[in-house]
Amino acid sequence: MRIERDPDFAADVRRQIAHAIQEGGVPWVVRLQEDLAEVERILAEFPQAGRELRLGRRATVRKLRLRRAPFVVWYQIGSRGKTLVLVRLFHVRQRVPD
């Protein structure tokens, strides 16, 4: 399965990395990057791994928590099941949009 990153997801990752660097948390940046790579490997093989969420009238999304870094990835599986799109990255304590 091909993994794609939505522009919102890429922006979320950049913001989290910038925040970690600003706070002197370079080890967190490495951990986040390693965890994201691991999530992509897992989802490429097991796309249904995350818990399903229904967000009102929006399309169904799934979420999967990173193993070591305190973040959750929201993703969608393409209609034909050949692609998977990482749509958002949230801190576990972050309020998420409705």
N, C-alpha and C. Protein backbone atom coordinates (compact mmCIF):
# COMPACT_ATOMS: atom_id res chain seq x y z
N MET A 1 0.84 -1.18 0.00
CA MET A 1 0.00 0.00 0.00
C MET A 1 0.89 1.25 0.00
N ARG A 2 0.52 2.22 -0.79
CA ARG A 2 1.27 3.47 -0.88
C ARG A 2 0.80 4.43 0.22
N ILE A 3 1.75 5.02 0.93
CA ILE A 3 1.46 5.97 2.01
C ILE A 3 1.72 7.38 1.49
N GLU A 4 0.75 8.25 1.67
CA GLU A 4 0.89 9.66 1.30
C GLU A 4 0.70 10.52 2.54
N ARG A 5 1.26 11.72 2.48
CA ARG A 5 1.11 12.68 3.58
C ARG A 5 0.33 13.90 3.08
N ASP A 6 -0.81 14.14 3.69
CA ASP A 6 -1.61 15.31 3.38
C ASP A 6 -0.82 16.57 3.77
N PRO A 7 -1.01 17.68 3.08
CA PRO A 7 -0.31 18.92 3.45
C PRO A 7 -0.56 19.34 4.90
N ASP A 8 -1.76 19.10 5.43
CA ASP A 8 -2.04 19.42 6.84
C ASP A 8 -1.18 18.57 7.77
N PHE A 9 -1.02 17.31 7.43
CA PHE A 9 -0.18 16.42 8.23
C PHE A 9 1.27 16.91 8.21
N ALA A 10 1.76 17.23 7.02
CA ALA A 10 3.14 17.72 6.90
C ALA A 10 3.34 19.00 7.71
N ALA A 11 2.34 19.89 7.69
CA ALA A 11 2.43 21.13 8.48
C ALA A 11 2.42 20.82 9.97
N ASP A 12 1.60 19.84 10.40
CA ASP A 12 1.58 19.44 11.82
C ASP A 12 2.95 18.93 12.25
N VAL A 13 3.57 18.11 11.43
CA VAL A 13 4.89 17.56 11.75
C VAL A 13 5.92 18.68 11.86
N ARG A 14 5.90 19.60 10.90
CA ARG A 14 6.85 20.73 10.94
C ARG A 14 6.67 21.56 12.21
N ARG A 15 5.42 21.82 12.59
CA ARG A 15 5.16 22.60 13.82
C ARG A 15 5.68 21.87 15.06
N GLN A 16 5.45 20.58 15.13
CA GLN A 16 5.91 19.81 16.30
C GLN A 16 7.43 19.76 16.36
N ILE A 17 8.08 19.62 15.22
CA ILE A 17 9.54 19.60 15.19
C ILE A 17 10.09 20.96 15.59
N ALA A 18 9.52 22.03 15.07
CA ALA A 18 9.98 23.38 15.42
C ALA A 18 9.80 23.63 16.91
N HIS A 19 8.67 23.20 17.47
CA HIS A 19 8.43 23.38 18.91
C HIS A 19 9.45 22.60 19.72
N ALA A 20 9.72 21.36 19.34
CA ALA A 20 10.68 20.53 20.07
C ALA A 20 12.07 21.15 20.02
N ILE A 21 12.49 21.63 18.87
CA ILE A 21 13.81 22.25 18.74
C ILE A 21 13.89 23.51 19.60
N GLN A 22 12.84 24.31 19.59
CA GLN A 22 12.79 25.53 20.39
C GLN A 22 12.92 25.23 21.88
N GLU A 23 12.36 24.11 22.30
CA GLU A 23 12.39 23.72 23.71
C GLU A 23 13.63 22.90 24.06
N GLY A 24 14.53 22.74 23.10
CA GLY A 24 15.75 21.98 23.35
C GLY A 24 15.55 20.48 23.33
N GLY A 25 14.50 20.03 22.68
CA GLY A 25 14.16 18.61 22.68
C GLY A 25 14.56 17.89 21.41
N VAL A 26 15.79 18.06 21.00
CA VAL A 26 16.25 17.38 19.78
C VAL A 26 16.04 15.86 19.86
N PRO A 27 16.26 15.22 21.02
CA PRO A 27 15.97 13.77 21.08
C PRO A 27 14.50 13.46 20.76
N TRP A 28 13.58 14.38 21.09
CA TRP A 28 12.17 14.17 20.76
C TRP A 28 11.95 14.20 19.27
N VAL A 29 12.71 15.04 18.58
CA VAL A 29 12.58 15.11 17.12
C VAL A 29 12.96 13.77 16.51
N VAL A 30 14.06 13.21 16.96
CA VAL A 30 14.51 11.91 16.46
C VAL A 30 13.47 10.84 16.78
N ARG A 31 12.97 10.85 17.99
CA ARG A 31 11.96 9.86 18.40
C ARG A 31 10.69 10.00 17.55
N LEU A 32 10.26 11.23 17.31
CA LEU A 32 9.07 11.46 16.48
C LEU A 32 9.30 10.94 15.07
N GLN A 33 10.43 11.24 14.48
CA GLN A 33 10.73 10.78 13.13
C GLN A 33 10.79 9.26 13.06
N GLU A 34 11.41 8.63 14.05
CA GLU A 34 11.47 7.16 14.08
C GLU A 34 10.08 6.55 14.24
N ASP A 35 9.27 7.13 15.13
CA ASP A 35 7.92 6.61 15.34
C ASP A 35 7.06 6.78 14.09
N LEU A 36 7.19 7.90 13.39
CA LEU A 36 6.42 8.11 12.17
C LEU A 36 6.83 7.10 11.10
N ALA A 37 8.11 6.82 10.99
CA ALA A 37 8.57 5.81 10.03
C ALA A 37 7.99 4.44 10.39
N GLU A 38 7.97 4.13 11.68
CA GLU A 38 7.41 2.85 12.12
C GLU A 38 5.92 2.76 11.81
N VAL A 39 5.19 3.84 12.06
CA VAL A 39 3.75 3.85 11.77
C VAL A 39 3.50 3.63 10.28
N GLU A 40 4.30 4.26 9.45
CA GLU A 40 4.14 4.07 8.01
C GLU A 40 4.39 2.62 7.61
N ARG A 41 5.39 1.99 8.21
CA ARG A 41 5.66 0.57 7.91
C ARG A 41 4.48 -0.31 8.36
N ILE A 42 3.98 -0.04 9.55
CA ILE A 42 2.85 -0.83 10.07
C ILE A 42 1.62 -0.66 9.21
N LEU A 43 1.29 0.59 8.89
CA LEU A 43 0.06 0.85 8.13
C LEU A 43 0.16 0.35 6.69
N ALA A 44 1.35 0.32 6.13
CA ALA A 44 1.51 -0.22 4.78
C ALA A 44 1.12 -1.69 4.74
N GLU A 45 1.37 -2.39 5.84
CA GLU A 45 1.05 -3.81 5.90
C GLU A 45 -0.32 -4.09 6.54
N PHE A 46 -0.69 -3.27 7.54
CA PHE A 46 -1.94 -3.47 8.26
C PHE A 46 -2.74 -2.17 8.30
N PRO A 47 -3.35 -1.77 7.20
CA PRO A 47 -4.02 -0.47 7.14
C PRO A 47 -5.20 -0.32 8.10
N GLN A 48 -5.76 -1.40 8.55
CA GLN A 48 -6.89 -1.34 9.48
C GLN A 48 -6.44 -1.30 10.94
N ALA A 49 -5.14 -1.12 11.19
CA ALA A 49 -4.60 -1.20 12.55
C ALA A 49 -5.19 -0.17 13.51
N GLY A 50 -5.52 1.00 13.01
CA GLY A 50 -6.02 2.06 13.89
C GLY A 50 -7.49 1.94 14.19
N ARG A 51 -7.88 2.64 15.25
CA ARG A 51 -9.28 2.67 15.66
C ARG A 51 -10.06 3.61 14.75
N GLU A 52 -11.24 3.17 14.33
CA GLU A 52 -12.06 3.97 13.41
C GLU A 52 -12.79 5.08 14.16
N LEU A 53 -12.80 6.26 13.53
CA LEU A 53 -13.54 7.42 14.05
C LEU A 53 -14.50 7.89 12.97
N ARG A 54 -15.66 8.30 13.38
CA ARG A 54 -16.60 8.93 12.43
C ARG A 54 -16.77 10.37 12.88
N LEU A 55 -16.50 11.28 11.98
CA LEU A 55 -16.51 12.69 12.32
C LEU A 55 -17.69 13.38 11.63
N GLY A 56 -18.87 13.23 12.19
CA GLY A 56 -20.05 13.86 11.60
C GLY A 56 -20.27 13.34 10.19
N ARG A 57 -20.42 14.25 9.27
CA ARG A 57 -20.67 13.87 7.87
C ARG A 57 -19.39 13.65 7.09
N ARG A 58 -18.27 13.91 7.73
CA ARG A 58 -16.99 13.72 7.05
C ARG A 58 -16.71 12.24 6.82
N ALA A 59 -15.76 12.00 5.99
CA ALA A 59 -15.34 10.62 5.72
C ALA A 59 -14.80 9.99 6.99
N THR A 60 -14.86 8.69 7.04
CA THR A 60 -14.31 7.96 8.16
C THR A 60 -12.79 8.10 8.19
N VAL A 61 -12.27 8.33 9.38
CA VAL A 61 -10.82 8.35 9.56
C VAL A 61 -10.48 7.32 10.62
N ARG A 62 -9.22 6.97 10.68
CA ARG A 62 -8.73 6.07 11.72
C ARG A 62 -7.62 6.77 12.45
N LYS A 63 -7.38 6.35 13.69
CA LYS A 63 -6.28 6.95 14.44
C LYS A 63 -5.42 5.86 15.03
N LEU A 64 -4.13 6.19 15.14
CA LEU A 64 -3.16 5.26 15.69
C LEU A 64 -2.15 6.05 16.50
N ARG A 65 -1.92 5.63 17.72
CA ARG A 65 -0.97 6.32 18.60
C ARG A 65 0.44 5.87 18.28
N LEU A 66 1.35 6.83 18.29
CA LEU A 66 2.76 6.49 18.10
C LEU A 66 3.26 5.70 19.31
N ARG A 67 4.25 4.89 19.10
CA ARG A 67 4.72 3.99 20.16
C ARG A 67 5.41 4.72 21.30
N ARG A 68 6.33 5.65 21.01
CA ARG A 68 7.09 6.31 22.07
C ARG A 68 6.79 7.79 22.19
N ALA A 69 6.62 8.46 21.10
CA ALA A 69 6.33 9.90 21.14
C ALA A 69 4.84 10.09 21.46
N PRO A 70 4.49 11.14 22.21
CA PRO A 70 3.10 11.32 22.64
C PRO A 70 2.21 11.96 21.58
N PHE A 71 2.05 11.25 20.46
CA PHE A 71 1.26 11.78 19.36
C PHE A 71 0.33 10.71 18.79
N VAL A 72 -0.72 11.20 18.13
CA VAL A 72 -1.69 10.34 17.46
C VAL A 72 -1.74 10.75 15.99
N VAL A 73 -1.71 9.76 15.11
CA VAL A 73 -1.83 10.00 13.67
C VAL A 73 -3.26 9.69 13.26
N TRP A 74 -3.87 10.61 12.54
CA TRP A 74 -5.17 10.36 11.92
C TRP A 74 -4.90 10.05 10.45
N TYR A 75 -5.58 9.05 9.91
CA TYR A 75 -5.36 8.67 8.52
C TYR A 75 -6.64 8.16 7.88
N GLN A 76 -6.64 8.18 6.55
CA GLN A 76 -7.76 7.67 5.76
C GLN A 76 -7.23 6.67 4.75
N ILE A 77 -8.03 5.65 4.51
CA ILE A 77 -7.70 4.66 3.50
C ILE A 77 -8.44 5.07 2.23
N GLY A 78 -7.71 5.09 1.11
CA GLY A 78 -8.31 5.47 -0.17
C GLY A 78 -9.46 4.56 -0.55
N SER A 79 -10.35 5.07 -1.38
CA SER A 79 -11.56 4.35 -1.76
C SER A 79 -11.28 3.00 -2.42
N ARG A 80 -10.17 2.88 -3.10
CA ARG A 80 -9.83 1.61 -3.74
C ARG A 80 -8.88 0.77 -2.91
N GLY A 81 -8.52 1.26 -1.73
CA GLY A 81 -7.67 0.50 -0.83
C GLY A 81 -6.22 0.38 -1.25
N LYS A 82 -5.78 1.22 -2.20
CA LYS A 82 -4.40 1.14 -2.66
C LYS A 82 -3.52 2.23 -2.06
N THR A 83 -4.15 3.25 -1.52
CA THR A 83 -3.39 4.32 -0.88
C THR A 83 -3.93 4.57 0.52
N LEU A 84 -3.07 5.11 1.32
CA LEU A 84 -3.42 5.48 2.69
C LEU A 84 -2.84 6.90 2.88
N VAL A 85 -3.67 7.81 3.38
CA VAL A 85 -3.25 9.19 3.52
C VAL A 85 -3.19 9.55 5.00
N LEU A 86 -2.01 9.98 5.44
CA LEU A 86 -1.85 10.50 6.79
C LEU A 86 -2.39 11.92 6.75
N VAL A 87 -3.47 12.19 7.52
CA VAL A 87 -4.14 13.48 7.38
C VAL A 87 -3.81 14.49 8.47
N ARG A 88 -3.58 14.03 9.70
CA ARG A 88 -3.27 14.96 10.79
C ARG A 88 -2.38 14.27 11.82
N LEU A 89 -1.66 15.09 12.58
CA LEU A 89 -0.83 14.63 13.69
C LEU A 89 -1.19 15.49 14.89
N PHE A 90 -1.63 14.87 15.97
CA PHE A 90 -2.03 15.59 17.17
C PHE A 90 -1.24 15.08 18.38
N HIS A 91 -0.91 15.99 19.28
CA HIS A 91 -0.36 15.60 20.57
C HIS A 91 -1.49 14.92 21.34
N VAL A 92 -1.15 13.96 22.18
CA VAL A 92 -2.20 13.21 22.89
C VAL A 92 -3.05 14.10 23.80
N ARG A 93 -2.52 15.23 24.24
CA ARG A 93 -3.29 16.13 25.11
C ARG A 93 -3.93 17.29 24.35
N GLN A 94 -3.73 17.30 23.06
CA GLN A 94 -4.25 18.39 22.24
C GLN A 94 -5.74 18.20 21.98
N ARG A 95 -6.47 19.30 22.01
CA ARG A 95 -7.88 19.24 21.62
C ARG A 95 -7.94 19.07 20.11
N VAL A 96 -8.78 18.20 19.66
CA VAL A 96 -8.85 17.91 18.22
C VAL A 96 -10.10 18.58 17.62
N PRO A 97 -10.06 18.89 16.33
CA PRO A 97 -11.21 19.54 15.69
C PRO A 97 -12.41 18.63 15.63
N ASP A 98 -13.57 19.24 15.57
CA ASP A 98 -14.83 18.47 15.42
C ASP A 98 -15.06 18.09 13.99
